[in-house]
N, C-alpha and C. Protein backbone atom coordinates (compact mmCIF):
# COMPACT_ATOMS: atom_id res chain seq x y z
N MET A 1 -21.65 -19.77 -33.02
CA MET A 1 -21.22 -18.41 -32.75
C MET A 1 -20.66 -18.32 -31.33
N LEU A 2 -19.54 -17.62 -31.19
CA LEU A 2 -18.92 -17.43 -29.88
C LEU A 2 -19.36 -16.11 -29.28
N ASP A 3 -19.44 -16.08 -27.95
CA ASP A 3 -19.77 -14.84 -27.26
C ASP A 3 -18.55 -13.93 -27.15
N LEU A 4 -17.37 -14.53 -26.96
CA LEU A 4 -16.20 -13.72 -26.66
C LEU A 4 -14.93 -14.44 -27.08
N ILE A 5 -13.98 -13.68 -27.63
CA ILE A 5 -12.62 -14.16 -27.84
C ILE A 5 -11.68 -13.18 -27.16
N ILE A 6 -10.79 -13.71 -26.33
CA ILE A 6 -9.72 -12.90 -25.75
C ILE A 6 -8.50 -13.18 -26.62
N ARG A 7 -8.05 -12.16 -27.33
CA ARG A 7 -7.06 -12.35 -28.40
C ARG A 7 -5.78 -11.57 -28.12
N GLY A 8 -4.65 -12.18 -28.46
CA GLY A 8 -3.39 -11.46 -28.49
C GLY A 8 -2.58 -11.47 -27.21
N GLY A 9 -3.05 -12.13 -26.17
CA GLY A 9 -2.32 -12.13 -24.90
C GLY A 9 -1.45 -13.36 -24.72
N GLN A 10 -0.61 -13.30 -23.70
CA GLN A 10 0.15 -14.47 -23.27
C GLN A 10 -0.77 -15.25 -22.33
N VAL A 11 -1.24 -16.40 -22.77
CA VAL A 11 -2.24 -17.17 -22.03
C VAL A 11 -1.56 -18.22 -21.16
N VAL A 12 -1.92 -18.24 -19.88
CA VAL A 12 -1.38 -19.20 -18.93
C VAL A 12 -2.36 -20.36 -18.81
N THR A 13 -1.88 -21.56 -19.05
CA THR A 13 -2.70 -22.77 -18.94
C THR A 13 -1.93 -23.79 -18.09
N PRO A 14 -2.57 -24.89 -17.73
CA PRO A 14 -1.83 -25.94 -17.01
C PRO A 14 -0.69 -26.53 -17.84
N TRP A 15 -0.69 -26.31 -19.14
CA TRP A 15 0.31 -26.88 -20.03
C TRP A 15 1.42 -25.90 -20.37
N GLY A 16 1.32 -24.67 -19.88
CA GLY A 16 2.36 -23.69 -20.15
C GLY A 16 1.78 -22.35 -20.55
N VAL A 17 2.67 -21.45 -20.96
CA VAL A 17 2.29 -20.10 -21.36
C VAL A 17 2.56 -19.96 -22.85
N GLY A 18 1.61 -19.34 -23.57
CA GLY A 18 1.81 -19.18 -25.01
C GLY A 18 0.89 -18.14 -25.60
N ASP A 19 1.14 -17.86 -26.87
CA ASP A 19 0.29 -16.93 -27.62
C ASP A 19 -0.91 -17.71 -28.14
N TRP A 20 -2.04 -17.57 -27.46
CA TRP A 20 -3.25 -18.27 -27.86
C TRP A 20 -4.44 -17.33 -27.75
N ASP A 21 -5.50 -17.71 -28.41
CA ASP A 21 -6.78 -17.02 -28.26
C ASP A 21 -7.67 -17.88 -27.37
N VAL A 22 -8.41 -17.23 -26.49
CA VAL A 22 -9.32 -17.93 -25.59
C VAL A 22 -10.74 -17.67 -26.08
N CYS A 23 -11.46 -18.75 -26.42
CA CYS A 23 -12.81 -18.66 -26.98
C CYS A 23 -13.83 -19.03 -25.91
N ILE A 24 -14.81 -18.15 -25.72
CA ILE A 24 -15.77 -18.32 -24.63
C ILE A 24 -17.19 -18.31 -25.17
N GLN A 25 -17.98 -19.26 -24.70
CA GLN A 25 -19.42 -19.33 -25.01
C GLN A 25 -20.15 -19.39 -23.68
N GLY A 26 -21.04 -18.45 -23.46
CA GLY A 26 -21.71 -18.38 -22.15
C GLY A 26 -20.68 -18.05 -21.10
N GLU A 27 -20.56 -18.90 -20.09
CA GLU A 27 -19.56 -18.69 -19.05
C GLU A 27 -18.44 -19.73 -19.11
N LYS A 28 -18.32 -20.43 -20.25
CA LYS A 28 -17.34 -21.50 -20.35
C LYS A 28 -16.32 -21.23 -21.44
N ILE A 29 -15.07 -21.57 -21.14
CA ILE A 29 -14.04 -21.58 -22.17
C ILE A 29 -14.29 -22.82 -23.01
N VAL A 30 -14.52 -22.63 -24.29
CA VAL A 30 -14.83 -23.77 -25.16
C VAL A 30 -13.65 -24.15 -26.04
N ALA A 31 -12.67 -23.25 -26.18
CA ALA A 31 -11.49 -23.57 -26.98
C ALA A 31 -10.36 -22.60 -26.65
N ILE A 32 -9.15 -23.12 -26.74
CA ILE A 32 -7.96 -22.29 -26.72
C ILE A 32 -7.26 -22.61 -28.03
N THR A 33 -7.12 -21.59 -28.88
CA THR A 33 -6.67 -21.83 -30.25
C THR A 33 -5.42 -21.01 -30.57
N SER A 34 -4.79 -21.37 -31.67
CA SER A 34 -3.70 -20.55 -32.19
C SER A 34 -4.26 -19.17 -32.53
N PRO A 35 -3.41 -18.13 -32.50
CA PRO A 35 -3.90 -16.77 -32.75
C PRO A 35 -4.65 -16.65 -34.07
N ASN A 36 -5.76 -15.95 -34.01
CA ASN A 36 -6.59 -15.61 -35.18
C ASN A 36 -7.15 -16.81 -35.93
N THR A 37 -7.22 -17.96 -35.28
CA THR A 37 -7.81 -19.14 -35.90
C THR A 37 -9.32 -18.97 -36.02
N MET A 38 -9.94 -18.48 -34.98
CA MET A 38 -11.39 -18.27 -34.97
C MET A 38 -11.65 -16.81 -35.36
N THR A 39 -12.18 -16.61 -36.53
CA THR A 39 -12.39 -15.23 -37.00
C THR A 39 -13.84 -14.91 -37.29
N ASP A 40 -14.68 -15.91 -37.46
CA ASP A 40 -16.07 -15.68 -37.82
C ASP A 40 -16.99 -15.78 -36.62
N ASP A 41 -18.11 -15.12 -36.72
CA ASP A 41 -19.20 -15.26 -35.76
C ASP A 41 -18.78 -15.14 -34.29
N VAL A 42 -18.35 -13.98 -33.92
CA VAL A 42 -18.03 -13.71 -32.53
C VAL A 42 -18.70 -12.39 -32.14
N THR A 43 -19.34 -12.38 -30.99
CA THR A 43 -20.06 -11.19 -30.53
C THR A 43 -19.10 -10.10 -30.08
N ARG A 44 -18.03 -10.49 -29.38
CA ARG A 44 -17.13 -9.49 -28.80
C ARG A 44 -15.71 -10.02 -28.79
N VAL A 45 -14.74 -9.14 -29.06
CA VAL A 45 -13.33 -9.49 -29.00
C VAL A 45 -12.65 -8.54 -28.02
N ILE A 46 -11.87 -9.11 -27.10
CA ILE A 46 -11.05 -8.31 -26.20
C ILE A 46 -9.61 -8.41 -26.68
N ASP A 47 -8.99 -7.28 -26.96
CA ASP A 47 -7.59 -7.25 -27.38
C ASP A 47 -6.72 -7.28 -26.13
N ALA A 48 -6.02 -8.38 -25.93
CA ALA A 48 -5.17 -8.56 -24.75
C ALA A 48 -3.69 -8.43 -25.10
N THR A 49 -3.39 -7.80 -26.23
CA THR A 49 -2.01 -7.63 -26.65
C THR A 49 -1.19 -6.97 -25.54
N GLY A 50 -0.05 -7.58 -25.23
CA GLY A 50 0.82 -7.05 -24.19
C GLY A 50 0.38 -7.41 -22.78
N LYS A 51 -0.64 -8.22 -22.66
CA LYS A 51 -1.17 -8.59 -21.35
C LYS A 51 -0.97 -10.10 -21.11
N VAL A 52 -1.04 -10.49 -19.84
CA VAL A 52 -1.01 -11.90 -19.46
C VAL A 52 -2.44 -12.29 -19.10
N VAL A 53 -2.91 -13.37 -19.68
CA VAL A 53 -4.28 -13.85 -19.45
C VAL A 53 -4.17 -15.11 -18.58
N VAL A 54 -4.75 -15.03 -17.38
CA VAL A 54 -4.68 -16.16 -16.44
C VAL A 54 -6.08 -16.61 -16.06
N PRO A 55 -6.23 -17.87 -15.67
CA PRO A 55 -7.53 -18.32 -15.17
C PRO A 55 -7.87 -17.58 -13.88
N GLY A 56 -9.14 -17.51 -13.56
CA GLY A 56 -9.57 -16.88 -12.32
C GLY A 56 -9.07 -17.66 -11.12
N GLY A 57 -8.72 -16.94 -10.08
CA GLY A 57 -8.25 -17.57 -8.86
C GLY A 57 -9.40 -18.11 -8.01
N ILE A 58 -9.08 -19.03 -7.13
CA ILE A 58 -10.05 -19.60 -6.20
C ILE A 58 -9.58 -19.31 -4.78
N GLU A 59 -10.45 -18.68 -4.01
CA GLU A 59 -10.18 -18.45 -2.58
C GLU A 59 -10.85 -19.58 -1.82
N PRO A 60 -10.06 -20.57 -1.33
CA PRO A 60 -10.66 -21.76 -0.74
C PRO A 60 -11.06 -21.65 0.73
N HIS A 61 -10.77 -20.51 1.38
CA HIS A 61 -11.07 -20.41 2.81
C HIS A 61 -11.36 -18.95 3.14
N ALA A 62 -12.64 -18.61 3.17
CA ALA A 62 -13.04 -17.23 3.47
C ALA A 62 -14.17 -17.23 4.49
N HIS A 63 -14.12 -16.27 5.38
CA HIS A 63 -15.20 -16.09 6.36
C HIS A 63 -15.93 -14.82 5.97
N ILE A 64 -17.04 -14.96 5.28
CA ILE A 64 -17.77 -13.83 4.70
C ILE A 64 -19.11 -13.68 5.41
N ASP A 65 -19.45 -12.44 5.73
CA ASP A 65 -20.66 -12.12 6.47
C ASP A 65 -20.75 -12.99 7.73
N ALA A 66 -19.64 -13.01 8.46
CA ALA A 66 -19.53 -13.84 9.67
C ALA A 66 -19.28 -12.95 10.88
N PRO A 67 -19.72 -13.38 12.06
CA PRO A 67 -19.48 -12.58 13.27
C PRO A 67 -17.99 -12.45 13.56
N ILE A 68 -17.60 -11.29 14.07
CA ILE A 68 -16.22 -11.06 14.49
C ILE A 68 -16.20 -11.13 16.01
N MET A 69 -15.29 -11.95 16.55
CA MET A 69 -15.18 -12.10 18.00
C MET A 69 -14.79 -10.78 18.63
N GLY A 70 -15.38 -10.45 19.76
CA GLY A 70 -15.02 -9.23 20.46
C GLY A 70 -16.25 -8.41 20.80
N PRO A 71 -16.01 -7.23 21.32
CA PRO A 71 -17.15 -6.39 21.72
C PRO A 71 -17.92 -5.89 20.51
N GLY A 72 -19.20 -5.67 20.73
CA GLY A 72 -20.03 -5.14 19.65
C GLY A 72 -20.64 -6.24 18.81
N ASN A 73 -21.39 -5.82 17.84
CA ASN A 73 -22.07 -6.76 16.95
C ASN A 73 -21.48 -6.61 15.55
N LEU A 74 -20.17 -6.84 15.42
CA LEU A 74 -19.49 -6.65 14.15
C LEU A 74 -19.50 -7.92 13.32
N ARG A 75 -19.51 -7.73 12.00
CA ARG A 75 -19.48 -8.86 11.07
C ARG A 75 -18.46 -8.54 9.98
N THR A 76 -17.95 -9.59 9.36
CA THR A 76 -17.11 -9.38 8.18
C THR A 76 -18.01 -8.91 7.04
N ALA A 77 -17.40 -8.46 5.96
CA ALA A 77 -18.16 -7.90 4.84
C ALA A 77 -19.05 -8.96 4.20
N PRO A 78 -20.17 -8.53 3.60
CA PRO A 78 -21.13 -9.46 2.99
C PRO A 78 -20.66 -9.93 1.60
N PRO A 79 -21.34 -10.97 1.05
CA PRO A 79 -20.94 -11.53 -0.23
C PRO A 79 -20.82 -10.51 -1.36
N GLU A 80 -21.74 -9.58 -1.46
CA GLU A 80 -21.70 -8.62 -2.56
C GLU A 80 -20.40 -7.81 -2.52
N GLN A 81 -20.04 -7.33 -1.37
CA GLN A 81 -18.84 -6.50 -1.24
C GLN A 81 -17.56 -7.32 -1.44
N VAL A 82 -17.48 -8.47 -0.82
CA VAL A 82 -16.28 -9.30 -0.92
C VAL A 82 -16.10 -9.83 -2.34
N SER A 83 -17.19 -10.28 -2.97
CA SER A 83 -17.06 -10.83 -4.32
C SER A 83 -16.65 -9.77 -5.33
N ARG A 84 -17.14 -8.56 -5.17
CA ARG A 84 -16.74 -7.48 -6.08
C ARG A 84 -15.24 -7.20 -5.93
N ALA A 85 -14.76 -7.10 -4.70
CA ALA A 85 -13.34 -6.86 -4.45
C ALA A 85 -12.50 -8.03 -4.98
N ALA A 86 -12.98 -9.24 -4.78
CA ALA A 86 -12.24 -10.42 -5.25
C ALA A 86 -12.06 -10.39 -6.76
N LEU A 87 -13.11 -10.05 -7.49
CA LEU A 87 -13.01 -10.01 -8.95
C LEU A 87 -11.99 -8.98 -9.41
N PHE A 88 -11.91 -7.85 -8.74
CA PHE A 88 -10.90 -6.85 -9.10
C PHE A 88 -9.49 -7.40 -8.93
N GLY A 89 -9.32 -8.34 -8.03
CA GLY A 89 -8.02 -8.96 -7.80
C GLY A 89 -7.80 -10.24 -8.59
N GLY A 90 -8.76 -10.63 -9.43
CA GLY A 90 -8.59 -11.82 -10.25
C GLY A 90 -9.11 -13.11 -9.64
N THR A 91 -9.75 -13.02 -8.48
CA THR A 91 -10.34 -14.21 -7.86
C THR A 91 -11.79 -14.32 -8.30
N THR A 92 -12.12 -15.42 -8.95
CA THR A 92 -13.46 -15.58 -9.52
C THR A 92 -14.34 -16.56 -8.76
N THR A 93 -13.76 -17.28 -7.79
CA THR A 93 -14.54 -18.23 -6.99
C THR A 93 -14.16 -18.08 -5.52
N LEU A 94 -15.17 -17.98 -4.67
CA LEU A 94 -14.98 -17.85 -3.22
C LEU A 94 -15.60 -19.05 -2.53
N MET A 95 -14.91 -19.58 -1.53
CA MET A 95 -15.45 -20.69 -0.75
C MET A 95 -15.58 -20.27 0.71
N ASP A 96 -16.81 -20.19 1.16
CA ASP A 96 -17.18 -19.76 2.50
C ASP A 96 -17.63 -21.00 3.29
N PHE A 97 -18.27 -20.80 4.41
CA PHE A 97 -18.67 -21.90 5.28
C PHE A 97 -20.16 -21.88 5.56
N ALA A 98 -20.78 -23.05 5.45
CA ALA A 98 -22.16 -23.26 5.92
C ALA A 98 -22.01 -23.89 7.30
N ILE A 99 -22.40 -23.16 8.33
CA ILE A 99 -22.09 -23.57 9.70
C ILE A 99 -23.24 -24.35 10.33
N HIS A 100 -22.93 -25.58 10.72
CA HIS A 100 -23.88 -26.43 11.44
C HIS A 100 -23.64 -26.24 12.93
N HIS A 101 -24.58 -25.58 13.58
CA HIS A 101 -24.52 -25.37 15.03
C HIS A 101 -25.28 -26.50 15.73
N PRO A 102 -24.90 -26.84 16.95
CA PRO A 102 -25.71 -27.81 17.69
C PRO A 102 -27.16 -27.32 17.75
N GLY A 103 -28.07 -28.21 17.43
CA GLY A 103 -29.49 -27.85 17.46
C GLY A 103 -30.10 -27.61 16.10
N ASN A 104 -29.28 -27.35 15.08
CA ASN A 104 -29.87 -27.26 13.75
C ASN A 104 -29.39 -28.45 12.91
N THR A 105 -29.97 -28.61 11.74
CA THR A 105 -29.60 -29.74 10.88
C THR A 105 -28.65 -29.25 9.80
N ILE A 106 -27.96 -30.18 9.18
CA ILE A 106 -27.07 -29.81 8.09
C ILE A 106 -27.87 -29.20 6.94
N PRO A 107 -29.02 -29.77 6.53
CA PRO A 107 -29.80 -29.10 5.47
C PRO A 107 -30.19 -27.66 5.84
N GLU A 108 -30.49 -27.41 7.11
CA GLU A 108 -30.82 -26.04 7.53
C GLU A 108 -29.60 -25.13 7.39
N ALA A 109 -28.44 -25.62 7.76
CA ALA A 109 -27.21 -24.83 7.64
C ALA A 109 -26.91 -24.52 6.18
N ILE A 110 -27.06 -25.52 5.32
CA ILE A 110 -26.82 -25.34 3.89
C ILE A 110 -27.80 -24.33 3.31
N GLN A 111 -29.07 -24.48 3.63
CA GLN A 111 -30.09 -23.58 3.09
C GLN A 111 -29.88 -22.14 3.55
N GLU A 112 -29.56 -21.98 4.82
CA GLU A 112 -29.34 -20.63 5.37
C GLU A 112 -28.19 -19.93 4.64
N ARG A 113 -27.08 -20.65 4.44
CA ARG A 113 -25.92 -20.03 3.80
C ARG A 113 -26.17 -19.80 2.32
N THR A 114 -26.81 -20.75 1.67
CA THR A 114 -27.12 -20.59 0.25
C THR A 114 -28.02 -19.38 0.04
N ASN A 115 -29.01 -19.20 0.90
CA ASN A 115 -29.91 -18.05 0.78
C ASN A 115 -29.17 -16.72 0.93
N SER A 116 -28.17 -16.68 1.80
CA SER A 116 -27.45 -15.42 2.01
C SER A 116 -26.56 -15.06 0.82
N TRP A 117 -26.19 -16.04 0.01
CA TRP A 117 -25.33 -15.79 -1.15
C TRP A 117 -26.10 -15.63 -2.45
N ARG A 118 -27.18 -16.39 -2.60
CA ARG A 118 -27.91 -16.40 -3.87
C ARG A 118 -28.35 -14.98 -4.24
N GLY A 119 -27.95 -14.52 -5.43
CA GLY A 119 -28.32 -13.20 -5.91
C GLY A 119 -27.51 -12.07 -5.30
N ASN A 120 -26.54 -12.40 -4.45
CA ASN A 120 -25.76 -11.37 -3.76
C ASN A 120 -24.26 -11.46 -4.04
N SER A 121 -23.87 -12.23 -5.04
CA SER A 121 -22.45 -12.39 -5.33
C SER A 121 -22.17 -12.13 -6.80
N TYR A 122 -21.09 -11.43 -7.06
CA TYR A 122 -20.65 -11.20 -8.44
C TYR A 122 -19.78 -12.36 -8.92
N ALA A 123 -19.26 -13.15 -8.01
CA ALA A 123 -18.35 -14.25 -8.33
C ALA A 123 -19.06 -15.59 -8.15
N ASP A 124 -18.42 -16.63 -8.65
CA ASP A 124 -18.89 -17.98 -8.35
C ASP A 124 -18.58 -18.26 -6.89
N TYR A 125 -19.33 -19.17 -6.29
CA TYR A 125 -19.12 -19.46 -4.88
C TYR A 125 -19.50 -20.90 -4.57
N ALA A 126 -18.92 -21.37 -3.47
CA ALA A 126 -19.24 -22.69 -2.92
C ALA A 126 -19.04 -22.58 -1.41
N HIS A 127 -19.46 -23.61 -0.70
CA HIS A 127 -19.34 -23.58 0.76
C HIS A 127 -18.82 -24.91 1.27
N HIS A 128 -17.95 -24.81 2.26
CA HIS A 128 -17.57 -25.98 3.05
C HIS A 128 -18.60 -26.09 4.17
N LEU A 129 -18.88 -27.29 4.62
CA LEU A 129 -19.65 -27.45 5.85
C LEU A 129 -18.70 -27.24 7.02
N MET A 130 -19.13 -26.51 8.04
CA MET A 130 -18.36 -26.37 9.27
C MET A 130 -19.23 -26.94 10.38
N VAL A 131 -18.72 -27.95 11.05
CA VAL A 131 -19.49 -28.63 12.08
C VAL A 131 -18.95 -28.21 13.44
N LEU A 132 -19.80 -27.56 14.24
CA LEU A 132 -19.39 -27.05 15.55
C LEU A 132 -19.95 -27.92 16.67
N GLY A 133 -19.18 -28.01 17.74
CA GLY A 133 -19.65 -28.71 18.94
C GLY A 133 -19.72 -30.21 18.76
N GLU A 134 -20.40 -30.83 19.69
CA GLU A 134 -20.58 -32.28 19.64
C GLU A 134 -21.49 -32.63 18.47
N ILE A 135 -21.14 -33.67 17.76
CA ILE A 135 -21.89 -34.06 16.57
C ILE A 135 -22.67 -35.32 16.88
N PRO A 136 -24.01 -35.25 16.87
CA PRO A 136 -24.80 -36.46 17.10
C PRO A 136 -24.49 -37.51 16.03
N GLN A 137 -24.57 -38.76 16.39
CA GLN A 137 -24.27 -39.85 15.46
C GLN A 137 -25.11 -39.75 14.19
N ARG A 138 -26.40 -39.42 14.32
CA ARG A 138 -27.26 -39.35 13.13
C ARG A 138 -26.79 -38.25 12.18
N THR A 139 -26.25 -37.14 12.74
CA THR A 139 -25.72 -36.07 11.89
C THR A 139 -24.47 -36.54 11.18
N LEU A 140 -23.59 -37.21 11.90
CA LEU A 140 -22.37 -37.75 11.31
C LEU A 140 -22.70 -38.71 10.18
N GLU A 141 -23.67 -39.59 10.41
CA GLU A 141 -24.06 -40.56 9.39
C GLU A 141 -24.70 -39.89 8.18
N SER A 142 -25.35 -38.75 8.38
CA SER A 142 -26.02 -38.07 7.26
C SER A 142 -25.04 -37.34 6.34
N LEU A 143 -23.80 -37.16 6.78
CA LEU A 143 -22.84 -36.45 5.94
C LEU A 143 -22.67 -37.11 4.58
N HIS A 144 -22.78 -38.44 4.53
CA HIS A 144 -22.61 -39.14 3.26
C HIS A 144 -23.61 -38.65 2.21
N GLU A 145 -24.85 -38.41 2.63
CA GLU A 145 -25.87 -37.90 1.70
C GLU A 145 -25.46 -36.54 1.14
N HIS A 146 -24.89 -35.71 1.98
CA HIS A 146 -24.50 -34.37 1.55
C HIS A 146 -23.28 -34.41 0.64
N ILE A 147 -22.41 -35.39 0.86
CA ILE A 147 -21.27 -35.59 -0.05
C ILE A 147 -21.80 -35.88 -1.45
N GLU A 148 -22.78 -36.79 -1.53
CA GLU A 148 -23.36 -37.14 -2.83
C GLU A 148 -24.05 -35.96 -3.50
N ASP A 149 -24.52 -34.99 -2.70
CA ASP A 149 -25.15 -33.79 -3.23
C ASP A 149 -24.14 -32.70 -3.59
N GLY A 150 -22.83 -32.99 -3.44
CA GLY A 150 -21.81 -32.03 -3.83
C GLY A 150 -21.17 -31.26 -2.70
N TRP A 151 -21.53 -31.56 -1.47
CA TRP A 151 -20.94 -30.89 -0.30
C TRP A 151 -19.81 -31.77 0.22
N ALA A 152 -18.70 -31.79 -0.50
CA ALA A 152 -17.67 -32.79 -0.25
C ALA A 152 -16.53 -32.33 0.65
N SER A 153 -16.73 -31.26 1.40
CA SER A 153 -15.70 -30.87 2.36
C SER A 153 -16.36 -30.40 3.65
N VAL A 154 -15.65 -30.63 4.75
CA VAL A 154 -16.18 -30.23 6.05
C VAL A 154 -15.02 -29.78 6.92
N LYS A 155 -15.26 -28.76 7.73
CA LYS A 155 -14.25 -28.27 8.67
C LYS A 155 -14.65 -28.71 10.07
N ILE A 156 -13.68 -29.30 10.78
CA ILE A 156 -13.89 -29.66 12.18
C ILE A 156 -12.77 -29.05 13.00
N PHE A 157 -12.92 -29.04 14.30
CA PHE A 157 -11.90 -28.51 15.20
C PHE A 157 -11.37 -29.66 16.04
N THR A 158 -10.03 -29.69 16.22
CA THR A 158 -9.42 -30.78 16.98
C THR A 158 -8.78 -30.30 18.28
N THR A 159 -8.98 -29.05 18.61
CA THR A 159 -8.39 -28.51 19.83
C THR A 159 -9.48 -28.21 20.84
N ASN A 160 -9.06 -27.84 22.03
CA ASN A 160 -10.04 -27.52 23.06
C ASN A 160 -10.33 -26.02 23.10
N ILE A 161 -10.09 -25.33 21.98
CA ILE A 161 -10.47 -23.93 21.87
C ILE A 161 -11.88 -23.87 21.34
N ARG A 162 -12.43 -22.67 21.16
CA ARG A 162 -13.80 -22.55 20.67
C ARG A 162 -13.91 -23.18 19.31
N PRO A 163 -14.86 -23.99 19.01
CA PRO A 163 -15.75 -24.65 19.95
C PRO A 163 -15.04 -25.86 20.55
N PRO A 164 -15.38 -26.26 21.78
CA PRO A 164 -14.70 -27.39 22.41
C PRO A 164 -14.88 -28.68 21.60
N GLU A 165 -13.84 -29.44 21.55
CA GLU A 165 -13.88 -30.68 20.77
C GLU A 165 -12.86 -31.64 21.38
N MET A 166 -13.21 -32.89 21.52
CA MET A 166 -12.27 -33.88 22.04
C MET A 166 -11.46 -34.45 20.89
N SER A 167 -10.14 -34.50 21.05
CA SER A 167 -9.28 -34.92 19.95
C SER A 167 -9.52 -36.37 19.55
N GLY A 168 -9.86 -37.25 20.50
CA GLY A 168 -10.13 -38.64 20.14
C GLY A 168 -11.32 -38.76 19.21
N GLU A 169 -12.37 -38.00 19.51
CA GLU A 169 -13.54 -38.00 18.64
C GLU A 169 -13.19 -37.42 17.27
N SER A 170 -12.35 -36.39 17.27
CA SER A 170 -11.96 -35.78 16.00
C SER A 170 -11.21 -36.77 15.13
N ARG A 171 -10.33 -37.55 15.75
CA ARG A 171 -9.60 -38.56 14.98
C ARG A 171 -10.56 -39.59 14.39
N ALA A 172 -11.56 -39.98 15.18
CA ALA A 172 -12.55 -40.94 14.68
C ALA A 172 -13.32 -40.34 13.51
N ARG A 173 -13.66 -39.07 13.61
CA ARG A 173 -14.39 -38.42 12.52
C ARG A 173 -13.53 -38.32 11.27
N LEU A 174 -12.25 -38.03 11.47
CA LEU A 174 -11.34 -37.95 10.34
C LEU A 174 -11.24 -39.31 9.65
N ALA A 175 -11.18 -40.38 10.42
CA ALA A 175 -11.16 -41.72 9.84
C ALA A 175 -12.45 -41.99 9.08
N TRP A 176 -13.57 -41.59 9.64
CA TRP A 176 -14.86 -41.77 8.97
C TRP A 176 -14.87 -41.01 7.65
N ALA A 177 -14.38 -39.78 7.68
CA ALA A 177 -14.37 -38.95 6.48
C ALA A 177 -13.51 -39.59 5.40
N THR A 178 -12.39 -40.15 5.79
CA THR A 178 -11.51 -40.80 4.82
C THR A 178 -12.21 -41.96 4.14
N LEU A 179 -12.98 -42.72 4.90
CA LEU A 179 -13.70 -43.85 4.33
C LEU A 179 -14.81 -43.41 3.38
N HIS A 180 -15.29 -42.20 3.53
CA HIS A 180 -16.42 -41.73 2.74
C HIS A 180 -16.05 -40.65 1.74
N ASP A 181 -14.79 -40.57 1.32
CA ASP A 181 -14.35 -39.63 0.29
C ASP A 181 -14.68 -38.19 0.61
N LEU A 182 -14.57 -37.82 1.85
CA LEU A 182 -14.87 -36.45 2.27
C LEU A 182 -13.57 -35.70 2.44
N LEU A 183 -13.50 -34.51 1.86
CA LEU A 183 -12.36 -33.64 2.07
C LEU A 183 -12.58 -32.91 3.38
N MET A 184 -11.65 -33.03 4.30
CA MET A 184 -11.83 -32.44 5.62
C MET A 184 -10.77 -31.39 5.86
N GLU A 185 -11.20 -30.22 6.33
CA GLU A 185 -10.27 -29.17 6.76
C GLU A 185 -10.23 -29.23 8.27
N VAL A 186 -9.04 -29.29 8.81
CA VAL A 186 -8.89 -29.43 10.25
C VAL A 186 -8.23 -28.18 10.81
N SER A 187 -8.86 -27.56 11.81
CA SER A 187 -8.25 -26.45 12.54
C SER A 187 -7.63 -27.02 13.79
N SER A 188 -6.31 -27.05 13.83
CA SER A 188 -5.61 -27.67 14.96
C SER A 188 -4.44 -26.79 15.36
N ALA A 189 -4.64 -25.96 16.36
CA ALA A 189 -3.58 -25.05 16.79
C ALA A 189 -2.50 -25.77 17.58
N THR A 190 -2.89 -26.71 18.44
CA THR A 190 -1.90 -27.36 19.30
C THR A 190 -2.03 -28.87 19.35
N THR A 191 -3.16 -29.40 18.97
CA THR A 191 -3.39 -30.83 19.11
C THR A 191 -2.95 -31.55 17.85
N PRO A 192 -2.02 -32.52 17.94
CA PRO A 192 -1.64 -33.26 16.74
C PRO A 192 -2.80 -34.13 16.27
N CYS A 193 -2.89 -34.30 14.99
CA CYS A 193 -4.00 -35.06 14.43
C CYS A 193 -3.53 -36.42 14.00
């Protein structure tokens, strides 16, 4: 039995656009079929006639519930508010940052960010690791463990803006990341990488 069929719309897939029905069980698309192929045992049908049906969008770089630079104690909107707005716009997955500050551990950064999102988001979510300041060798070496746990991207800074970072060290870290299958996001306003 299917939970949902989205029927009658122009469905956009990686293979093109066409008249198909989208069959959903739980939170997964289990089939894309010719129109009216699946007619039995469905809990709910959405009539999408005259509509375009697209996959949910992914926002790969968001700063959510984060401090805003400047006077006062301002923060960006929290996960609940941002995720609700994102869904209205068709974005179903948000990627924020788990920030590793000097003095804390990567597991602490991951746990802190996960706790702030768990139960507070209407959308799916994931986090990039953001590593600030000087990175102790043991922290750098531990990144491989976190990659294996699914934390496969990290943001570093290669400029001398906040937070300070030496470009030579950044290049070495980028080389290390390449060797360890890590996706790295680099913020580089003026320093070539």
